[in-house]
Amino acid sequence: LPFQGDIQVEAFSAQNKIGIDKLATKLNFWFSPLFAE
């Protein structure tokens, strides 16, 4: 399955609150165009 460089890996832990800011930023980037319509 070729991803052609479209993969990013980030550390995330809801329990330890690691990476939540990066996760929120990425989710907003992905989904904000859907809500703008």
PDB file of N, CA and C in Angstrom:
ATOM      1  N   LEU A   1       0.848  -1.184   0.000  1.00  0.00           N
ATOM      2  CA  LEU A   1       0.000   0.000   0.000  1.00  0.00           C
ATOM      3  C   LEU A   1       0.892   1.246   0.000  1.00  0.00           C
ATOM      4  N   PRO A   2       0.995   1.923  -1.118  1.00  0.00           N
ATOM      5  CA  PRO A   2       1.878   3.099  -1.190  1.00  0.00           C
ATOM      6  C   PRO A   2       1.218   4.344  -0.603  1.00  0.00           C
ATOM      7  N   PHE A   3       1.910   4.999   0.308  1.00  0.00           N
ATOM      8  CA  PHE A   3       1.388   6.224   0.912  1.00  0.00           C
ATOM      9  C   PHE A   3       2.005   7.470   0.298  1.00  0.00           C
ATOM     10  N   GLN A   4       3.067   7.313  -0.463  1.00  0.00           N
ATOM     11  CA  GLN A   4       3.721   8.400  -1.188  1.00  0.00           C
ATOM     12  C   GLN A   4       4.100   9.567  -0.282  1.00  0.00           C
ATOM     13  N   GLY A   5       4.607   9.285   0.894  1.00  0.00           N
ATOM     14  CA  GLY A   5       5.110  10.316   1.793  1.00  0.00           C
ATOM     15  C   GLY A   5       4.058  11.081   2.574  1.00  0.00           C
ATOM     16  N   ASP A   6       2.827  10.596   2.630  1.00  0.00           N
ATOM     17  CA  ASP A   6       1.750  11.310   3.308  1.00  0.00           C
ATOM     18  C   ASP A   6       1.513  10.813   4.733  1.00  0.00           C
ATOM     19  N   ILE A   7       2.543  10.304   5.381  1.00  0.00           N
ATOM     20  CA  ILE A   7       2.393   9.754   6.732  1.00  0.00           C
ATOM     21  C   ILE A   7       3.207  10.589   7.713  1.00  0.00           C
ATOM     22  N   GLN A   8       2.591  10.881   8.854  1.00  0.00           N
ATOM     23  CA  GLN A   8       3.295  11.523   9.955  1.00  0.00           C
ATOM     24  C   GLN A   8       3.025  10.714  11.214  1.00  0.00           C
ATOM     25  N   VAL A   9       4.024  10.619  12.068  1.00  0.00           N
ATOM     26  CA  VAL A   9       3.882   9.899  13.332  1.00  0.00           C
ATOM     27  C   VAL A   9       4.190  10.878  14.460  1.00  0.00           C
ATOM     28  N   GLU A  10       3.297  10.933  15.436  1.00  0.00           N
ATOM     29  CA  GLU A  10       3.478  11.809  16.599  1.00  0.00           C
ATOM     30  C   GLU A  10       3.192  11.005  17.859  1.00  0.00           C
ATOM     31  N   ALA A  11       3.918  11.310  18.918  1.00  0.00           N
ATOM     32  CA  ALA A  11       3.637  10.685  20.211  1.00  0.00           C
ATOM     33  C   ALA A  11       2.344  11.272  20.761  1.00  0.00           C
ATOM     34  N   PHE A  12       1.484  10.421  21.299  1.00  0.00           N
ATOM     35  CA  PHE A  12       0.214  10.877  21.850  1.00  0.00           C
ATOM     36  C   PHE A  12      -0.128  10.037  23.067  1.00  0.00           C
ATOM     37  N   SER A  13      -0.519  10.707  24.136  1.00  0.00           N
ATOM     38  CA  SER A  13      -1.003  10.027  25.331  1.00  0.00           C
ATOM     39  C   SER A  13      -2.072  10.897  25.968  1.00  0.00           C
ATOM     40  N   ALA A  14      -3.312  10.441  25.923  1.00  0.00           N
ATOM     41  CA  ALA A  14      -4.400  11.187  26.554  1.00  0.00           C
ATOM     42  C   ALA A  14      -4.221  11.198  28.071  1.00  0.00           C
ATOM     43  N   GLN A  15      -3.753  10.098  28.610  1.00  0.00           N
ATOM     44  CA  GLN A  15      -3.589   9.994  30.062  1.00  0.00           C
ATOM     45  C   GLN A  15      -2.513  10.954  30.575  1.00  0.00           C
ATOM     46  N   ASN A  16      -1.394  11.039  29.844  1.00  0.00           N
ATOM     47  CA  ASN A  16      -0.288  11.894  30.277  1.00  0.00           C
ATOM     48  C   ASN A  16      -0.309  13.268  29.619  1.00  0.00           C
ATOM     49  N   LYS A  17      -1.316  13.515  28.788  1.00  0.00           N
ATOM     50  CA  LYS A  17      -1.483  14.798  28.091  1.00  0.00           C
ATOM     51  C   LYS A  17      -0.269  15.137  27.229  1.00  0.00           C
ATOM     52  N   ILE A  18       0.258  14.134  26.551  1.00  0.00           N
ATOM     53  CA  ILE A  18       1.376  14.332  25.638  1.00  0.00           C
ATOM     54  C   ILE A  18       0.831  14.389  24.216  1.00  0.00           C
ATOM     55  N   GLY A  19       1.116  15.462  23.508  1.00  0.00           N
ATOM     56  CA  GLY A  19       0.747  15.570  22.106  1.00  0.00           C
ATOM     57  C   GLY A  19      -0.677  16.018  21.835  1.00  0.00           C
ATOM     58  N   ILE A  20      -1.413  16.397  22.870  1.00  0.00           N
ATOM     59  CA  ILE A  20      -2.808  16.795  22.669  1.00  0.00           C
ATOM     60  C   ILE A  20      -2.893  18.075  21.843  1.00  0.00           C
ATOM     61  N   ASP A  21      -1.981  19.022  22.051  1.00  0.00           N
ATOM     62  CA  ASP A  21      -2.003  20.260  21.276  1.00  0.00           C
ATOM     63  C   ASP A  21      -1.745  19.991  19.797  1.00  0.00           C
ATOM     64  N   LYS A  22      -0.803  19.091  19.497  1.00  0.00           N
ATOM     65  CA  LYS A  22      -0.530  18.750  18.095  1.00  0.00           C
ATOM     66  C   LYS A  22      -1.703  18.007  17.475  1.00  0.00           C
ATOM     67  N   LEU A  23      -2.333  17.129  18.247  1.00  0.00           N
ATOM     68  CA  LEU A  23      -3.502  16.404  17.756  1.00  0.00           C
ATOM     69  C   LEU A  23      -4.641  17.369  17.451  1.00  0.00           C
ATOM     70  N   ALA A  24      -4.912  18.297  18.344  1.00  0.00           N
ATOM     71  CA  ALA A  24      -5.990  19.267  18.133  1.00  0.00           C
ATOM     72  C   ALA A  24      -5.720  20.122  16.901  1.00  0.00           C
ATOM     73  N   THR A  25      -4.480  20.545  16.723  1.00  0.00           N
ATOM     74  CA  THR A  25      -4.116  21.344  15.554  1.00  0.00           C
ATOM     75  C   THR A  25      -4.328  20.562  14.271  1.00  0.00           C
ATOM     76  N   LYS A  26      -3.904  19.315  14.247  1.00  0.00           N
ATOM     77  CA  LYS A  26      -4.046  18.488  13.045  1.00  0.00           C
ATOM     78  C   LYS A  26      -5.511  18.210  12.740  1.00  0.00           C
ATOM     79  N   LEU A  27      -6.312  17.885  13.750  1.00  0.00           N
ATOM     80  CA  LEU A  27      -7.736  17.628  13.524  1.00  0.00           C
ATOM     81  C   LEU A  27      -8.454  18.881  13.030  1.00  0.00           C
ATOM     82  N   ASN A  28      -8.115  20.034  13.588  1.00  0.00           N
ATOM     83  CA  ASN A  28      -8.701  21.287  13.103  1.00  0.00           C
ATOM     84  C   ASN A  28      -8.325  21.551  11.655  1.00  0.00           C
ATOM     85  N   PHE A  29      -7.083  21.259  11.295  1.00  0.00           N
ATOM     86  CA  PHE A  29      -6.629  21.439   9.915  1.00  0.00           C
ATOM     87  C   PHE A  29      -7.400  20.522   8.974  1.00  0.00           C
ATOM     88  N   TRP A  30      -7.620  19.278   9.368  1.00  0.00           N
ATOM     89  CA  TRP A  30      -8.330  18.320   8.521  1.00  0.00           C
ATOM     90  C   TRP A  30      -9.808  18.650   8.378  1.00  0.00           C
ATOM     91  N   PHE A  31     -10.457  19.020   9.481  1.00  0.00           N
ATOM     92  CA  PHE A  31     -11.914  19.125   9.477  1.00  0.00           C
ATOM     93  C   PHE A  31     -12.463  20.537   9.330  1.00  0.00           C
ATOM     94  N   SER A  32     -11.659  21.568   9.497  1.00  0.00           N
ATOM     95  CA  SER A  32     -12.187  22.929   9.389  1.00  0.00           C
ATOM     96  C   SER A  32     -12.770  23.241   8.013  1.00  0.00           C
ATOM     97  N   PRO A  33     -12.210  22.742   6.898  1.00  0.00           N
ATOM     98  CA  PRO A  33     -12.853  23.006   5.601  1.00  0.00           C
ATOM     99  C   PRO A  33     -14.256  22.403   5.503  1.00  0.00           C
ATOM    100  N   LEU A  34     -14.511  21.310   6.191  1.00  0.00           N
ATOM    101  CA  LEU A  34     -15.832  20.686   6.145  1.00  0.00           C
ATOM    102  C   LEU A  34     -16.879  21.553   6.831  1.00  0.00           C
ATOM    103  N   PHE A  35     -16.481  22.239   7.904  1.00  0.00           N
ATOM    104  CA  PHE A  35     -17.428  23.056   8.651  1.00  0.00           C
ATOM    105  C   PHE A  35     -17.572  24.459   8.068  1.00  0.00           C
ATOM    106  N   ALA A  36     -16.663  24.844   7.175  1.00  0.00           N
ATOM    107  CA  ALA A  36     -16.721  26.177   6.573  1.00  0.00           C
ATOM    108  C   ALA A  36     -17.784  26.261   5.482  1.00  0.00           C
ATOM    109  N   GLU A  37     -18.229  25.112   4.993  1.00  0.00           N
ATOM    110  CA  GLU A  37     -19.208  25.105   3.896  1.00  0.00           C
ATOM    111  C   GLU A  37     -20.598  25.408   4.373  1.00  0.00           C
TER     112      GLU A  37
END
